[in-house]
Amino acid sequence: MNDIGQRIEQYKADRRHGASQLQAVALEILMDATRQLPADHARTIIARLDSLAREMADARPGMANINNIMNWYRKSLSLLDASADKETVRKNALKKAGLMCRYCLEASRLLTVNAVRSIADASTVMTCSFSSTVLRTLKEAYRAGTRFSILVLESCWQDCCYGAFMHRELMESGVESRLIKDAEAAKYLPGTDQVLLGADTLFPDGTLINGFPSRELAAAAVACRPAVPVIALLESFKISGQPETGKPPDGFQAIPFDCLAGVITEKGLHQKLGEIQALSGSSGPEEFI
């Protein structure tokens, strides 16, 4: 378990990757811990896995996806038969973790399918920060034969330019993009067809949390004439069931719902706040329980 402990500390300290990538890391750790966890009794396995899931959720309080998924897993653990033999409990806990992984992958796949449909041939898309969801969407759209222009803001926060990571990954995948300075966003917006943003969390009131400079870019897009639609891409499990409280973590910003033209999830395009609120606070897919 020493390796698991080291990986958890790396996960806690990671300041480069976004919510979707950290979610994948957390799920991998959870799967491996379920396989490797030494224990004399079934109750010990359940208790230690519950503690691990809580620890990973607590380490990322601003990421609704990780909190939701870890809470769903903890709920499924609470319903396991603690009187069964320890290997049966381990097998069932691993099955629940596997179902969770597959559910997340399928939601991400469907989200990408829906998001790709929003990109038109010969259009121009602008984005900022680093979002693995936006990156995957742009790559898949290009792979599907859509040809469009991509503008990426440098998104420099402290000593790191997250947009440069996005630009590099696009170029290495054979997808042409142009890296522009954060201060030049307004200059290029008049020729832009849409802004695509990723998300760490979407709150029930429609407030979106995403990396710098998402708020400035969204505000400039709304102020542009004609206005440039801002679309957020996220799986529904990134919608928090709790209201927004406090200030976003360093390097992240709150974008009000009235700056968004829509939110695309695995379930489709949502343009009304009531649709988002209907998706928030889910108790989790039935197959987890």
Protein backbone atom coordinates (compact mmCIF):
# COMPACT_ATOMS: atom_id res chain seq x y z
CA MET A 1 0.00 0.00 0.00
CA ASN A 2 3.03 2.33 0.11
CA ASP A 3 2.59 2.98 -3.60
CA ILE A 4 -1.07 3.86 -3.03
CA GLY A 5 -0.08 6.33 -0.32
CA GLN A 6 2.46 8.02 -2.61
CA ARG A 7 -0.09 8.27 -5.41
CA ILE A 8 -2.65 9.84 -3.08
CA GLU A 9 -0.12 12.50 -2.03
CA GLN A 10 0.70 13.22 -5.70
CA TYR A 11 -3.04 13.48 -6.41
CA LYS A 12 -3.46 15.96 -3.55
CA ALA A 13 -0.51 18.08 -4.70
CA ASP A 14 -1.41 18.14 -8.42
CA ARG A 15 -2.01 21.72 -9.57
CA ARG A 16 -1.67 21.20 -13.30
CA HIS A 17 -4.51 18.85 -14.19
CA GLY A 18 -8.22 19.63 -14.22
CA ALA A 19 -11.26 17.98 -12.70
CA SER A 20 -11.73 15.28 -15.36
CA GLN A 21 -8.10 14.15 -15.28
CA LEU A 22 -7.96 14.15 -11.48
CA GLN A 23 -11.21 12.18 -11.41
CA ALA A 24 -9.58 9.50 -13.56
CA VAL A 25 -6.56 9.43 -11.23
CA ALA A 26 -8.81 9.11 -8.16
CA LEU A 27 -10.73 6.23 -9.72
CA GLU A 28 -7.51 4.39 -10.65
CA ILE A 29 -6.24 4.77 -7.08
CA LEU A 30 -9.55 3.53 -5.72
CA MET A 31 -9.55 0.45 -7.98
CA ASP A 32 -5.95 -0.46 -7.09
CA ALA A 33 -6.52 0.14 -3.37
CA THR A 34 -9.56 -2.14 -3.45
CA ARG A 35 -7.42 -4.92 -4.96
CA GLN A 36 -4.39 -4.43 -2.70
CA LEU A 37 -5.82 -3.39 0.66
CA PRO A 38 -4.58 -5.74 3.43
CA ALA A 39 -7.25 -6.55 6.01
CA ASP A 40 -8.23 -9.33 8.38
CA HIS A 41 -11.98 -8.73 8.26
CA ALA A 42 -14.62 -7.56 5.79
CA ARG A 43 -15.57 -4.65 8.08
CA THR A 44 -11.97 -3.43 7.96
CA ILE A 45 -11.97 -3.42 4.15
CA ILE A 46 -15.22 -1.43 4.06
CA ALA A 47 -14.00 1.05 6.68
CA ARG A 48 -10.63 1.63 5.03
CA LEU A 49 -12.09 2.06 1.55
CA ASP A 50 -14.68 4.46 2.94
CA SER A 51 -11.91 6.48 4.60
CA LEU A 52 -9.88 6.52 1.38
CA ALA A 53 -12.84 7.74 -0.71
CA ARG A 54 -13.58 10.45 1.86
CA GLU A 55 -9.91 11.52 1.87
CA MET A 56 -9.83 11.91 -1.91
CA ALA A 57 -13.09 13.87 -1.93
CA ASP A 58 -11.92 16.16 0.89
CA ALA A 59 -8.68 16.88 -0.97
CA ARG A 60 -10.68 18.38 -3.87
CA PRO A 61 -13.57 20.31 -2.26
CA GLY A 62 -13.99 22.51 -5.34
CA MET A 63 -14.50 19.62 -7.77
CA ALA A 64 -18.11 18.41 -7.72
CA ASN A 65 -17.40 15.40 -9.91
CA ILE A 66 -14.92 13.89 -7.47
CA ASN A 67 -17.13 14.67 -4.47
CA ASN A 68 -20.23 13.20 -6.13
CA ILE A 69 -18.49 10.05 -7.35
CA MET A 70 -16.70 9.36 -4.06
CA ASN A 71 -19.93 9.91 -2.13
CA TRP A 72 -21.76 7.47 -4.44
CA TYR A 73 -19.02 4.91 -3.85
CA ARG A 74 -19.20 5.40 -0.08
CA LYS A 75 -22.96 4.88 -0.23
CA SER A 76 -22.48 1.62 -2.14
CA LEU A 77 -19.93 0.47 0.46
CA SER A 78 -22.39 1.09 3.28
CA LEU A 79 -24.78 -1.40 1.69
CA LEU A 80 -22.29 -4.26 1.38
CA ASP A 81 -22.76 -7.28 3.65
CA ALA A 82 -20.06 -6.75 6.28
CA SER A 83 -20.73 -10.23 7.70
CA ALA A 84 -19.57 -11.90 4.47
CA ASP A 85 -16.01 -13.18 4.10
CA LYS A 86 -13.43 -10.51 3.33
CA GLU A 87 -12.67 -11.66 -0.25
CA THR A 88 -16.35 -11.61 -1.16
CA VAL A 89 -16.59 -8.06 0.16
CA ARG A 90 -13.43 -7.09 -1.71
CA LYS A 91 -14.83 -8.57 -4.92
CA ASN A 92 -18.13 -6.70 -4.51
CA ALA A 93 -16.38 -3.41 -3.66
CA LEU A 94 -14.22 -3.80 -6.75
CA LYS A 95 -17.31 -4.50 -8.84
CA LYS A 96 -18.90 -1.24 -7.62
CA ALA A 97 -15.73 0.70 -8.40
CA GLY A 98 -15.61 -0.85 -11.88
CA LEU A 99 -19.24 0.08 -12.54
CA MET A 100 -18.45 3.61 -11.48
CA CYS A 101 -15.50 3.82 -13.88
CA ARG A 102 -17.59 2.52 -16.78
CA TYR A 103 -20.43 4.92 -15.97
CA CYS A 104 -18.02 7.88 -16.00
CA LEU A 105 -16.40 6.80 -19.26
CA GLU A 106 -19.78 6.39 -20.96
CA ALA A 107 -20.96 9.79 -19.73
CA SER A 108 -17.77 11.36 -21.10
CA ARG A 109 -18.22 9.58 -24.44
CA LEU A 110 -21.81 10.81 -24.82
CA LEU A 111 -20.80 14.33 -23.78
CA THR A 112 -18.14 14.36 -26.49
CA VAL A 113 -20.64 13.15 -29.10
CA ASN A 114 -23.03 15.97 -28.18
CA ALA A 115 -20.29 18.60 -28.00
CA VAL A 116 -18.83 17.67 -31.40
CA ARG A 117 -22.23 18.40 -32.96
CA SER A 118 -21.96 22.02 -31.80
CA ILE A 119 -18.88 22.69 -33.97
CA ALA A 120 -19.62 23.71 -37.55
CA ASP A 121 -17.40 23.49 -40.61
CA ALA A 122 -15.41 26.67 -41.33
CA SER A 123 -16.24 28.10 -37.90
CA THR A 124 -13.88 29.61 -35.33
CA VAL A 125 -13.79 28.33 -31.75
CA MET A 126 -12.08 30.11 -28.85
CA THR A 127 -11.19 28.51 -25.53
CA CYS A 128 -9.02 29.12 -22.49
CA SER A 129 -7.35 27.33 -19.57
CA PHE A 130 -6.80 23.58 -19.97
CA SER A 131 -9.81 21.30 -20.20
CA SER A 132 -9.39 17.66 -21.15
CA THR A 133 -13.10 17.69 -22.11
CA VAL A 134 -12.67 20.60 -24.53
CA LEU A 135 -9.45 19.07 -25.84
CA ARG A 136 -11.16 15.74 -26.50
CA THR A 137 -14.07 17.48 -28.23
CA LEU A 138 -11.84 19.50 -30.55
CA LYS A 139 -9.76 16.45 -31.46
CA GLU A 140 -12.82 14.31 -32.10
CA ALA A 141 -14.47 17.00 -34.24
CA TYR A 142 -11.32 17.25 -36.34
CA ARG A 143 -11.07 13.46 -36.59
CA ALA A 144 -14.68 13.36 -37.80
CA GLY A 145 -13.76 15.61 -40.73
CA THR A 146 -14.93 19.01 -39.47
CA ARG A 147 -12.47 21.74 -40.38
CA PHE A 148 -12.48 24.83 -38.20
CA SER A 149 -10.13 27.36 -36.60
CA ILE A 150 -9.13 27.20 -32.94
CA LEU A 151 -7.95 30.13 -30.84
CA VAL A 152 -6.50 29.33 -27.42
CA LEU A 153 -5.82 31.99 -24.80
CA GLU A 154 -2.47 31.55 -23.06
CA SER A 155 -4.32 31.47 -19.72
CA CYS A 156 -1.31 32.46 -17.64
CA TRP A 157 -1.76 32.14 -13.90
CA GLN A 158 1.25 32.69 -11.65
CA ASP A 159 4.13 30.82 -13.32
CA CYS A 160 2.05 28.55 -15.56
CA CYS A 161 0.29 29.13 -18.90
CA TYR A 162 -2.39 26.44 -19.06
CA GLY A 163 -3.57 27.40 -22.54
CA ALA A 164 -0.08 26.65 -23.83
CA PHE A 165 -0.54 23.04 -22.67
CA MET A 166 -3.82 22.87 -24.60
CA HIS A 167 -2.23 24.38 -27.72
CA ARG A 168 0.70 21.97 -27.58
CA GLU A 169 -1.51 18.89 -27.18
CA LEU A 170 -3.69 19.98 -30.11
CA MET A 171 -0.68 20.57 -32.35
CA GLU A 172 0.92 17.26 -31.36
CA SER A 173 -2.35 15.55 -32.33
CA GLY A 174 -2.26 17.18 -35.77
CA VAL A 175 -4.99 19.71 -34.94
CA GLU A 176 -4.00 23.26 -35.91
CA SER A 177 -4.58 25.97 -33.30
CA ARG A 178 -3.36 29.47 -32.60
CA LEU A 179 -2.13 30.60 -29.19
CA ILE A 180 -3.03 34.20 -28.34
CA LYS A 181 -2.32 36.45 -25.39
CA ASP A 182 -4.99 36.75 -22.72
CA ALA A 183 -5.23 40.51 -23.23
CA GLU A 184 -6.01 40.03 -26.94
CA ALA A 185 -9.23 38.02 -26.51
CA ALA A 186 -11.48 40.99 -27.32
CA LYS A 187 -9.50 41.63 -30.51
CA TYR A 188 -10.33 38.18 -31.91
CA LEU A 189 -13.86 37.69 -30.58
CA PRO A 190 -15.63 39.53 -33.46
CA GLY A 191 -14.48 36.78 -35.82
CA THR A 192 -15.29 33.95 -33.42
CA ASP A 193 -18.41 31.76 -33.67
CA GLN A 194 -18.40 30.30 -30.17
CA VAL A 195 -16.43 30.02 -26.95
CA LEU A 196 -16.06 26.56 -25.43
CA LEU A 197 -15.25 26.22 -21.73
CA GLY A 198 -14.62 23.21 -19.56
CA ALA A 199 -15.75 23.09 -15.92
CA ASP A 200 -14.64 22.03 -12.48
CA THR A 201 -18.10 22.54 -11.00
CA LEU A 202 -21.51 23.86 -12.00
CA PHE A 203 -23.67 25.01 -9.08
CA PRO A 204 -27.48 24.76 -8.96
CA ASP A 205 -27.80 28.53 -9.53
CA GLY A 206 -25.90 28.11 -12.81
CA THR A 207 -22.59 29.52 -11.58
CA LEU A 208 -19.73 27.82 -13.41
CA ILE A 209 -16.27 27.32 -11.89
CA ASN A 210 -13.43 27.12 -14.38
CA GLY A 211 -9.80 28.16 -14.74
CA PHE A 212 -8.49 31.69 -15.33
CA PRO A 213 -9.31 33.73 -17.45
CA SER A 214 -12.75 32.15 -18.10
CA ARG A 215 -14.69 34.96 -16.40
CA GLU A 216 -12.99 37.69 -18.44
CA LEU A 217 -13.40 35.73 -21.66
CA ALA A 218 -17.09 35.02 -21.01
CA ALA A 219 -17.80 38.66 -20.13
CA ALA A 220 -16.00 39.88 -23.26
CA ALA A 221 -17.93 37.38 -25.42
CA VAL A 222 -21.25 38.62 -24.04
CA ALA A 223 -20.21 42.26 -24.55
CA CYS A 224 -19.13 41.64 -28.16
CA ARG A 225 -21.55 42.80 -30.89
CA PRO A 226 -22.99 40.53 -31.98
CA ALA A 227 -22.52 38.51 -28.79
CA VAL A 228 -20.47 35.33 -29.08
CA PRO A 229 -22.20 32.32 -27.47
CA VAL A 230 -20.33 30.77 -24.54
CA ILE A 231 -20.93 27.03 -24.12
CA ALA A 232 -19.77 25.00 -21.12
CA LEU A 233 -18.99 21.30 -21.55
CA LEU A 234 -19.37 18.96 -18.57
CA GLU A 235 -20.78 15.64 -17.46
CA SER A 236 -23.86 15.93 -15.27
CA PHE A 237 -21.93 14.57 -12.28
CA LYS A 238 -19.98 17.85 -12.27
CA ILE A 239 -23.17 19.59 -11.17
CA SER A 240 -23.10 20.16 -7.43
CA GLY A 241 -26.09 19.48 -5.25
CA GLN A 242 -24.92 22.20 -2.86
CA PRO A 243 -25.12 26.01 -3.30
CA GLU A 244 -21.96 27.97 -4.02
CA THR A 245 -20.14 29.02 -0.88
CA GLY A 246 -16.95 31.00 -0.56
CA LYS A 247 -14.29 31.93 -3.05
CA PRO A 248 -13.10 29.55 -5.79
CA PRO A 249 -9.62 28.02 -5.34
CA ASP A 250 -6.63 30.00 -6.58
CA GLY A 251 -6.49 30.07 -10.36
CA PHE A 252 -10.22 29.40 -10.72
CA GLN A 253 -13.09 31.79 -11.35
CA ALA A 254 -16.87 31.93 -10.99
CA ILE A 255 -18.78 32.65 -14.22
CA PRO A 256 -22.45 33.65 -13.77
CA PHE A 257 -25.11 31.72 -15.64
CA ASP A 258 -26.21 34.79 -17.60
CA CYS A 259 -22.84 34.70 -19.38
CA LEU A 260 -23.57 31.21 -20.71
CA ALA A 261 -25.55 30.51 -23.86
CA GLY A 262 -25.84 26.89 -22.85
CA VAL A 263 -24.39 23.87 -21.09
CA ILE A 264 -23.75 20.61 -22.93
CA THR A 265 -23.77 17.38 -20.91
CA GLU A 266 -24.07 13.71 -21.84
CA LYS A 267 -27.83 14.29 -21.80
CA GLY A 268 -27.80 17.09 -24.39
CA LEU A 269 -27.89 20.89 -24.56
CA HIS A 270 -29.34 22.74 -21.58
CA GLN A 271 -30.21 26.43 -21.90
CA LYS A 272 -32.62 26.84 -19.00
CA LEU A 273 -31.58 26.99 -15.37
CA GLY A 274 -34.40 24.65 -14.39
CA GLU A 275 -32.91 21.90 -16.57
CA ILE A 276 -29.58 22.20 -14.76
CA GLN A 277 -31.24 22.23 -11.35
CA ALA A 278 -33.10 19.05 -12.27
CA LEU A 279 -29.74 17.33 -12.83
CA SER A 280 -28.11 18.53 -9.60
CA GLY A 281 -27.96 16.63 -6.35
CA SER A 282 -28.33 13.17 -7.89
CA SER A 283 -28.11 10.27 -5.42
CA GLY A 284 -26.14 8.38 -8.05
CA PRO A 285 -26.86 5.77 -10.72
CA GLU A 286 -28.89 2.83 -9.44
CA GLU A 287 -26.26 0.33 -10.58
CA PHE A 288 -23.81 1.70 -7.98
CA ILE A 289 -26.11 0.68 -5.13
